Amino acid sequence: MHAWSASACTCTAARGERCAACCRRATAAVRHTSPSHTTHTNTHGKKDYSRSPPPTSYEPQSASSPYPSTAPTPSRSVYPRQTGRTCTYPSNGQGLPADAGATEWNQELWKRARARFYPIARYAAHPVVSKALAFCRPCDASMTKPRTEELGAGISVWTNENGCAYCAFRPRAPPNTPADEAWKYGTGDGAHNPVTCPPYIRYLCEAGAGEFSIDDGVKALLRSLVGLKQEA
């Protein structure tokens, strides 16, 4: 519907005036064309975004929290599982997403585990969180700053530059490292999909596995980078 204009009026009212019918049309046109971003509330007291866009930003978890809020999981497709290494899942349910419907990891849940990358740039804006992320997804072997860009779409050939920074740049395992602790170290080979890399995912679940000292707020952010592939 277009906005009312005086030239569109076919009534016999004097120039500059409107008849009652034209007034009603003009009011309806303005009401129709004016954008509205008001959040409505339904009868249950919950916000209803069916008639307005959802929020584009999220408030911190609490006013006293010095860290970014945990980013919500968006609806998006995920890469198929493809990795260079495997490892067992963490004990005691460490890093298990809240929507898992369980309190402990198991083999089926571990197969669905996926690393999330889109919140990293926002988390890395905080200097303390950035230092922790530099151990998880380093730009290079110095591990002084994190790689913050999201994964490119449609990657068919993985390399150290576009693939798994965890395996590519973290320190190599010392000689005689037990096989069940090899996941804590890199291999120099990042030519695989980091979204589905079990060693990287486990490191996030264990929030650095005690490699550096961080408080519970930073641990929660690292663990929030692990999600589950939705079941078909």
C-alpha atoms as a PDB file:
ATOM      1  CA  MET A   1       0.000   0.000   0.000  1.00  0.00           C
ATOM      2  CA  HIS A   2       1.296   3.459  -0.898  1.00  0.00           C
ATOM      3  CA  ALA A   3       1.157   6.517   1.335  1.00  0.00           C
ATOM      4  CA  TRP A   4      -1.821   8.851   0.773  1.00  0.00           C
ATOM      5  CA  SER A   5      -1.202  11.902  -1.402  1.00  0.00           C
ATOM      6  CA  ALA A   6      -3.424  14.868  -2.079  1.00  0.00           C
ATOM      7  CA  SER A   7      -3.241  14.289  -5.830  1.00  0.00           C
ATOM      8  CA  ALA A   8      -4.821  10.866  -5.362  1.00  0.00           C
ATOM      9  CA  CYS A   9      -7.924  12.307  -3.736  1.00  0.00           C
ATOM     10  CA  THR A  10     -10.948  12.305  -6.026  1.00  0.00           C
ATOM     11  CA  CYS A  11     -13.360  13.874  -3.592  1.00  0.00           C
ATOM     12  CA  THR A  12     -14.755  17.401  -3.930  1.00  0.00           C
ATOM     13  CA  ALA A  13     -13.167  18.782  -0.751  1.00  0.00           C
ATOM     14  CA  ALA A  14     -11.325  22.062  -1.090  1.00  0.00           C
ATOM     15  CA  ARG A  15      -7.566  21.962  -1.815  1.00  0.00           C
ATOM     16  CA  GLY A  16      -5.606  21.303   1.353  1.00  0.00           C
ATOM     17  CA  GLU A  17      -8.569  19.569   3.012  1.00  0.00           C
ATOM     18  CA  ARG A  18      -9.535  15.898   3.116  1.00  0.00           C
ATOM     19  CA  CYS A  19     -12.862  14.193   3.237  1.00  0.00           C
ATOM     20  CA  ALA A  20     -13.519  11.662   5.991  1.00  0.00           C
ATOM     21  CA  ALA A  21     -12.866   8.709   3.655  1.00  0.00           C
ATOM     22  CA  CYS A  22      -9.511  10.158   2.544  1.00  0.00           C
ATOM     23  CA  CYS A  23      -8.515  10.733   6.150  1.00  0.00           C
ATOM     24  CA  ARG A  24      -9.181   7.100   6.907  1.00  0.00           C
ATOM     25  CA  ARG A  25      -7.125   5.989   3.877  1.00  0.00           C
ATOM     26  CA  ALA A  26      -4.241   8.266   4.818  1.00  0.00           C
ATOM     27  CA  THR A  27      -4.204   7.038   8.409  1.00  0.00           C
ATOM     28  CA  ALA A  28      -4.237   3.399   7.277  1.00  0.00           C
ATOM     29  CA  ALA A  29      -1.416   4.039   4.786  1.00  0.00           C
ATOM     30  CA  VAL A  30       0.823   5.623   7.413  1.00  0.00           C
ATOM     31  CA  ARG A  31       0.077   2.850   9.853  1.00  0.00           C
ATOM     32  CA  HIS A  32       0.936   0.258   7.201  1.00  0.00           C
ATOM     33  CA  THR A  33       4.144   1.831   5.921  1.00  0.00           C
ATOM     34  CA  SER A  34       5.726   2.895   9.221  1.00  0.00           C
ATOM     35  CA  PRO A  35       8.278   0.271  10.341  1.00  0.00           C
ATOM     36  CA  SER A  36       7.759  -1.141  13.782  1.00  0.00           C
ATOM     37  CA  HIS A  37      10.363  -2.920  15.876  1.00  0.00           C
ATOM     38  CA  THR A  38       8.337  -3.120  19.039  1.00  0.00           C
ATOM     39  CA  THR A  39       8.712  -6.347  20.968  1.00  0.00           C
ATOM     40  CA  HIS A  40       5.281  -7.662  21.885  1.00  0.00           C
ATOM     41  CA  THR A  41       4.514  -9.671  24.995  1.00  0.00           C
ATOM     42  CA  ASN A  42       2.118 -12.594  24.881  1.00  0.00           C
ATOM     43  CA  THR A  43      -0.385 -13.580  27.547  1.00  0.00           C
ATOM     44  CA  HIS A  44       2.225 -15.741  29.285  1.00  0.00           C
ATOM     45  CA  GLY A  45       4.546 -12.796  29.845  1.00  0.00           C
ATOM     46  CA  LYS A  46       7.149 -14.027  27.332  1.00  0.00           C
ATOM     47  CA  LYS A  47       8.569 -11.907  24.520  1.00  0.00           C
ATOM     48  CA  ASP A  48       7.019 -12.604  21.149  1.00  0.00           C
ATOM     49  CA  TYR A  49       9.140 -11.821  18.089  1.00  0.00           C
ATOM     50  CA  SER A  50       6.592 -13.096  15.560  1.00  0.00           C
ATOM     51  CA  ARG A  51       5.666  -9.490  14.659  1.00  0.00           C
ATOM     52  CA  SER A  52       9.105  -7.905  15.100  1.00  0.00           C
ATOM     53  CA  PRO A  53      12.768  -8.797  14.515  1.00  0.00           C
ATOM     54  CA  PRO A  54      14.691 -10.710  17.224  1.00  0.00           C
ATOM     55  CA  PRO A  55      17.396  -8.860  19.182  1.00  0.00           C
ATOM     56  CA  THR A  56      20.758  -8.358  17.486  1.00  0.00           C
ATOM     57  CA  SER A  57      22.783  -8.104  20.688  1.00  0.00           C
ATOM     58  CA  TYR A  58      22.763  -9.941  23.979  1.00  0.00           C
ATOM     59  CA  GLU A  59      23.167  -8.594  27.475  1.00  0.00           C
ATOM     60  CA  PRO A  60      25.964  -9.862  29.739  1.00  0.00           C
ATOM     61  CA  GLN A  61      25.090 -12.835  31.930  1.00  0.00           C
ATOM     62  CA  SER A  62      25.199 -10.617  35.006  1.00  0.00           C
ATOM     63  CA  ALA A  63      26.035  -7.040  35.752  1.00  0.00           C
ATOM     64  CA  SER A  64      29.051  -8.147  37.793  1.00  0.00           C
ATOM     65  CA  SER A  65      30.543 -10.413  35.113  1.00  0.00           C
ATOM     66  CA  PRO A  66      33.696  -8.907  33.578  1.00  0.00           C
ATOM     67  CA  TYR A  67      33.558 -11.206  30.552  1.00  0.00           C
ATOM     68  CA  PRO A  68      31.455 -11.297  27.376  1.00  0.00           C
ATOM     69  CA  SER A  69      28.139 -13.114  27.589  1.00  0.00           C
ATOM     70  CA  THR A  70      27.970 -16.638  26.238  1.00  0.00           C
ATOM     71  CA  ALA A  71      26.904 -16.470  22.594  1.00  0.00           C
ATOM     72  CA  PRO A  72      23.729 -18.355  21.683  1.00  0.00           C
ATOM     73  CA  THR A  73      23.911 -21.169  19.165  1.00  0.00           C
ATOM     74  CA  PRO A  74      22.568 -20.031  15.775  1.00  0.00           C
ATOM     75  CA  SER A  75      20.715 -22.253  13.366  1.00  0.00           C
ATOM     76  CA  ARG A  76      23.273 -23.106  10.728  1.00  0.00           C
ATOM     77  CA  SER A  77      24.590 -26.077   8.828  1.00  0.00           C
ATOM     78  CA  VAL A  78      27.710 -27.842  10.083  1.00  0.00           C
ATOM     79  CA  TYR A  79      30.572 -29.560   8.326  1.00  0.00           C
ATOM     80  CA  PRO A  80      30.574 -33.364   8.271  1.00  0.00           C
ATOM     81  CA  ARG A  81      32.915 -35.048  10.727  1.00  0.00           C
ATOM     82  CA  GLN A  82      36.423 -35.161   9.287  1.00  0.00           C
ATOM     83  CA  THR A  83      39.549 -35.195  11.399  1.00  0.00           C
ATOM     84  CA  GLY A  84      43.182 -36.201  11.452  1.00  0.00           C
ATOM     85  CA  ARG A  85      43.176 -37.569  15.017  1.00  0.00           C
ATOM     86  CA  THR A  86      40.853 -39.086  17.567  1.00  0.00           C
ATOM     87  CA  CYS A  87      40.752 -39.112  21.351  1.00  0.00           C
ATOM     88  CA  THR A  88      38.419 -40.174  24.114  1.00  0.00           C
ATOM     89  CA  TYR A  89      35.808 -37.849  25.572  1.00  0.00           C
ATOM     90  CA  PRO A  90      36.309 -35.974  28.874  1.00  0.00           C
ATOM     91  CA  SER A  91      35.361 -37.490  32.187  1.00  0.00           C
ATOM     92  CA  ASN A  92      32.791 -36.127  34.637  1.00  0.00           C
ATOM     93  CA  GLY A  93      30.769 -34.481  31.876  1.00  0.00           C
ATOM     94  CA  GLN A  94      33.269 -31.633  31.446  1.00  0.00           C
ATOM     95  CA  GLY A  95      32.142 -29.288  28.692  1.00  0.00           C
ATOM     96  CA  LEU A  96      28.995 -31.269  27.942  1.00  0.00           C
ATOM     97  CA  PRO A  97      26.473 -28.832  26.404  1.00  0.00           C
ATOM     98  CA  ALA A  98      23.376 -28.154  28.478  1.00  0.00           C
ATOM     99  CA  ASP A  99      21.064 -29.432  25.721  1.00  0.00           C
ATOM    100  CA  ALA A 100      22.699 -32.889  25.660  1.00  0.00           C
ATOM    101  CA  GLY A 101      19.987 -34.438  27.822  1.00  0.00           C
ATOM    102  CA  ALA A 102      22.665 -36.216  29.859  1.00  0.00           C
ATOM    103  CA  THR A 103      25.150 -35.503  32.628  1.00  0.00           C
ATOM    104  CA  GLU A 104      28.077 -37.469  31.184  1.00  0.00           C
ATOM    105  CA  TRP A 105      29.628 -37.789  27.765  1.00  0.00           C
ATOM    106  CA  ASN A 106      29.166 -41.076  25.938  1.00  0.00           C
ATOM    107  CA  GLN A 107      30.344 -42.313  22.569  1.00  0.00           C
ATOM    108  CA  GLU A 108      27.208 -41.240  20.723  1.00  0.00           C
ATOM    109  CA  LEU A 109      27.289 -37.710  22.164  1.00  0.00           C
ATOM    110  CA  TRP A 110      31.028 -37.451  21.472  1.00  0.00           C
ATOM    111  CA  LYS A 111      30.430 -38.257  17.806  1.00  0.00           C
ATOM    112  CA  ARG A 112      28.047 -35.291  17.656  1.00  0.00           C
ATOM    113  CA  ALA A 113      30.450 -32.850  19.363  1.00  0.00           C
ATOM    114  CA  ARG A 114      31.315 -29.814  17.235  1.00  0.00           C
ATOM    115  CA  ALA A 115      33.535 -26.778  17.826  1.00  0.00           C
ATOM    116  CA  ARG A 116      31.872 -23.382  17.377  1.00  0.00           C
ATOM    117  CA  PHE A 117      33.860 -20.571  15.800  1.00  0.00           C
ATOM    118  CA  TYR A 118      31.593 -17.591  15.240  1.00  0.00           C
ATOM    119  CA  PRO A 119      31.778 -16.273  18.878  1.00  0.00           C
ATOM    120  CA  ILE A 120      35.599 -16.304  19.046  1.00  0.00           C
ATOM    121  CA  ALA A 121      36.145 -12.802  17.641  1.00  0.00           C
ATOM    122  CA  ARG A 122      33.779 -11.298  20.219  1.00  0.00           C
ATOM    123  CA  TYR A 123      35.268 -13.301  23.080  1.00  0.00           C
ATOM    124  CA  ALA A 124      38.805 -12.370  22.004  1.00  0.00           C
ATOM    125  CA  ALA A 125      38.036  -8.667  22.426  1.00  0.00           C
ATOM    126  CA  HIS A 126      38.518  -9.245  26.154  1.00  0.00           C
ATOM    127  CA  PRO A 127      42.291  -9.381  26.893  1.00  0.00           C
ATOM    128  CA  VAL A 128      42.109 -12.150  29.514  1.00  0.00           C
ATOM    129  CA  VAL A 129      39.913 -14.340  27.312  1.00  0.00           C
ATOM    130  CA  SER A 130      42.135 -13.586  24.309  1.00  0.00           C
ATOM    131  CA  LYS A 131      45.185 -15.021  26.094  1.00  0.00           C
ATOM    132  CA  ALA A 132      43.308 -18.213  26.866  1.00  0.00           C
ATOM    133  CA  LEU A 133      42.055 -18.514  23.287  1.00  0.00           C
ATOM    134  CA  ALA A 134      45.619 -18.131  22.017  1.00  0.00           C
ATOM    135  CA  PHE A 135      46.397 -21.528  23.558  1.00  0.00           C
ATOM    136  CA  CYS A 136      43.318 -23.096  21.965  1.00  0.00           C
ATOM    137  CA  ARG A 137      43.337 -21.617  18.473  1.00  0.00           C
ATOM    138  CA  PRO A 138      46.701 -19.883  18.009  1.00  0.00           C
ATOM    139  CA  CYS A 139      47.677 -17.780  15.005  1.00  0.00           C
ATOM    140  CA  ASP A 140      51.119 -19.383  15.013  1.00  0.00           C
ATOM    141  CA  ALA A 141      53.494 -21.405  17.162  1.00  0.00           C
ATOM    142  CA  SER A 142      54.183 -18.464  19.488  1.00  0.00           C
ATOM    143  CA  MET A 143      50.617 -18.836  20.830  1.00  0.00           C
ATOM    144  CA  THR A 144      50.521 -15.142  21.727  1.00  0.00           C
ATOM    145  CA  LYS A 145      47.251 -14.291  20.007  1.00  0.00           C
ATOM    146  CA  PRO A 146      44.248 -16.280  18.770  1.00  0.00           C
ATOM    147  CA  ARG A 147      43.038 -16.820  15.251  1.00  0.00           C
ATOM    148  CA  THR A 148      39.656 -15.104  15.299  1.00  0.00           C
ATOM    149  CA  GLU A 149      38.219 -15.388  11.794  1.00  0.00           C
ATOM    150  CA  GLU A 150      35.351 -17.758  11.087  1.00  0.00           C
ATOM    151  CA  LEU A 151      35.838 -20.724   8.780  1.00  0.00           C
ATOM    152  CA  GLY A 152      35.316 -20.012   5.113  1.00  0.00           C
ATOM    153  CA  ALA A 153      32.354 -21.556   3.358  1.00  0.00           C
ATOM    154  CA  GLY A 154      32.761 -24.525   1.050  1.00  0.00           C
ATOM    155  CA  ILE A 155      36.345 -25.427   1.984  1.00  0.00           C
ATOM    156  CA  SER A 156      37.358 -28.562   0.118  1.00  0.00           C
ATOM    157  CA  VAL A 157      41.109 -28.563   0.783  1.00  0.00           C
ATOM    158  CA  TRP A 158      42.254 -28.041   4.375  1.00  0.00           C
ATOM    159  CA  THR A 159      45.668 -26.568   5.198  1.00  0.00           C
ATOM    160  CA  ASN A 160      47.424 -25.173   8.273  1.00  0.00           C
ATOM    161  CA  GLU A 161      46.243 -21.725   7.189  1.00  0.00           C
ATOM    162  CA  ASN A 162      42.512 -22.483   6.905  1.00  0.00           C
ATOM    163  CA  GLY A 163      42.236 -25.664   8.974  1.00  0.00           C
ATOM    164  CA  CYS A 164      42.928 -26.732  12.525  1.00  0.00           C
ATOM    165  CA  ALA A 165      45.209 -24.222  14.264  1.00  0.00           C
ATOM    166  CA  TYR A 166      45.163 -26.349  17.424  1.00  0.00           C
ATOM    167  CA  CYS A 167      46.909 -29.293  15.752  1.00  0.00           C
ATOM    168  CA  ALA A 168      49.030 -27.102  13.477  1.00  0.00           C
ATOM    169  CA  PHE A 169      50.606 -24.750  16.006  1.00  0.00           C
ATOM    170  CA  ARG A 170      50.444 -26.171  19.507  1.00  0.00           C
ATOM    171  CA  PRO A 171      53.671 -27.696  20.924  1.00  0.00           C
ATOM    172  CA  ARG A 172      54.536 -31.231  19.917  1.00  0.00           C
ATOM    173  CA  ALA A 173      54.245 -33.974  22.520  1.00  0.00           C
ATOM    174  CA  PRO A 174      57.444 -34.741  24.457  1.00  0.00           C
ATOM    175  CA  PRO A 175      58.996 -38.184  23.980  1.00  0.00           C
ATOM    176  CA  ASN A 176      57.240 -41.024  25.788  1.00  0.00           C
ATOM    177  CA  THR A 177      53.993 -39.055  26.194  1.00  0.00           C
ATOM    178  CA  PRO A 178      51.229 -41.557  27.060  1.00  0.00           C
ATOM    179  CA  ALA A 179      48.875 -42.147  24.160  1.00  0.00           C
ATOM    180  CA  ASP A 180      45.861 -41.022  26.187  1.00  0.00           C
ATOM    181  CA  GLU A 181      47.475 -37.599  26.742  1.00  0.00           C
ATOM    182  CA  ALA A 182      48.580 -36.961  23.160  1.00  0.00           C
ATOM    183  CA  TRP A 183      45.423 -34.908  22.525  1.00  0.00           C
ATOM    184  CA  LYS A 184      46.872 -32.069  24.644  1.00  0.00           C
ATOM    185  CA  TYR A 185      49.574 -31.452  22.033  1.00  0.00           C
ATOM    186  CA  GLY A 186      49.867 -30.426  18.411  1.00  0.00           C
ATOM    187  CA  THR A 187      51.258 -32.425  15.510  1.00  0.00           C
ATOM    188  CA  GLY A 188      52.216 -29.719  13.017  1.00  0.00           C
ATOM    189  CA  ASP A 189      49.426 -30.971  10.748  1.00  0.00           C
ATOM    190  CA  GLY A 190      46.327 -28.777  10.683  1.00  0.00           C
ATOM    191  CA  ALA A 191      45.090 -29.984   7.292  1.00  0.00           C
ATOM    192  CA  HIS A 192      41.715 -31.140   8.561  1.00  0.00           C
ATOM    193  CA  ASN A 193      38.387 -29.748   9.656  1.00  0.00           C
ATOM    194  CA  PRO A 194      38.696 -28.050  13.080  1.00  0.00           C
ATOM    195  CA  VAL A 195      34.929 -28.139  13.630  1.00  0.00           C
ATOM    196  CA  THR A 196      35.141 -31.883  14.189  1.00  0.00           C
ATOM    197  CA  CYS A 197      38.672 -32.259  15.617  1.00  0.00           C
ATOM    198  CA  PRO A 198      38.328 -34.303  18.844  1.00  0.00           C
ATOM    199  CA  PRO A 199      41.606 -33.134  20.464  1.00  0.00           C
ATOM    200  CA  TYR A 200      40.642 -29.483  19.957  1.00  0.00           C
ATOM    201  CA  ILE A 201      37.104 -30.092  21.194  1.00  0.00           C
ATOM    202  CA  ARG A 202      38.373 -31.910  24.283  1.00  0.00           C
ATOM    203  CA  TYR A 203      40.791 -29.087  25.061  1.00  0.00           C
ATOM    204  CA  LEU A 204      37.858 -26.660  24.991  1.00  0.00           C
ATOM    205  CA  CYS A 205      35.750 -29.013  27.133  1.00  0.00           C
ATOM    206  CA  GLU A 206      38.502 -29.150  29.735  1.00  0.00           C
ATOM    207  CA  ALA A 207      39.042 -25.379  29.455  1.00  0.00           C
ATOM    208  CA  GLY A 208      42.754 -25.664  28.812  1.00  0.00           C
ATOM    209  CA  ALA A 209      43.299 -28.845  30.796  1.00  0.00           C
ATOM    210  CA  GLY A 210      45.063 -26.913  33.555  1.00  0.00           C
ATOM    211  CA  GLU A 211      47.725 -25.567  31.173  1.00  0.00           C
ATOM    212  CA  PHE A 212      47.111 -21.984  32.288  1.00  0.00           C
ATOM    213  CA  SER A 213      45.434 -20.333  35.248  1.00  0.00           C
ATOM    214  CA  ILE A 214      41.973 -18.914  34.499  1.00  0.00           C
ATOM    215  CA  ASP A 215      38.884 -18.279  36.587  1.00  0.00           C
ATOM    216  CA  ASP A 216      35.517 -19.937  36.213  1.00  0.00           C
ATOM    217  CA  GLY A 217      34.186 -17.169  33.948  1.00  0.00           C
ATOM    218  CA  VAL A 218      36.826 -17.797  31.275  1.00  0.00           C
ATOM    219  CA  LYS A 219      36.424 -21.559  31.631  1.00  0.00           C
ATOM    220  CA  ALA A 220      32.712 -21.195  30.938  1.00  0.00           C
ATOM    221  CA  LEU A 221      33.416 -19.204  27.767  1.00  0.00           C
ATOM    222  CA  LEU A 222      35.878 -21.803  26.452  1.00  0.00           C
ATOM    223  CA  ARG A 223      33.402 -24.607  27.137  1.00  0.00           C
ATOM    224  CA  SER A 224      30.634 -22.659  25.420  1.00  0.00           C
ATOM    225  CA  LEU A 225      32.591 -23.084  22.172  1.00  0.00           C
ATOM    226  CA  VAL A 226      31.505 -26.729  22.117  1.00  0.00           C
ATOM    227  CA  GLY A 227      28.096 -27.684  20.745  1.00  0.00           C
ATOM    228  CA  LEU A 228      26.312 -30.772  19.488  1.00  0.00           C
ATOM    229  CA  LYS A 229      25.305 -31.579  15.948  1.00  0.00           C
ATOM    230  CA  GLN A 230      21.532 -31.891  15.918  1.00  0.00           C
ATOM    231  CA  GLU A 231      20.210 -35.365  15.392  1.00  0.00           C
ATOM    232  CA  ALA A 232      18.439 -35.942  12.092  1.00  0.00           C
END
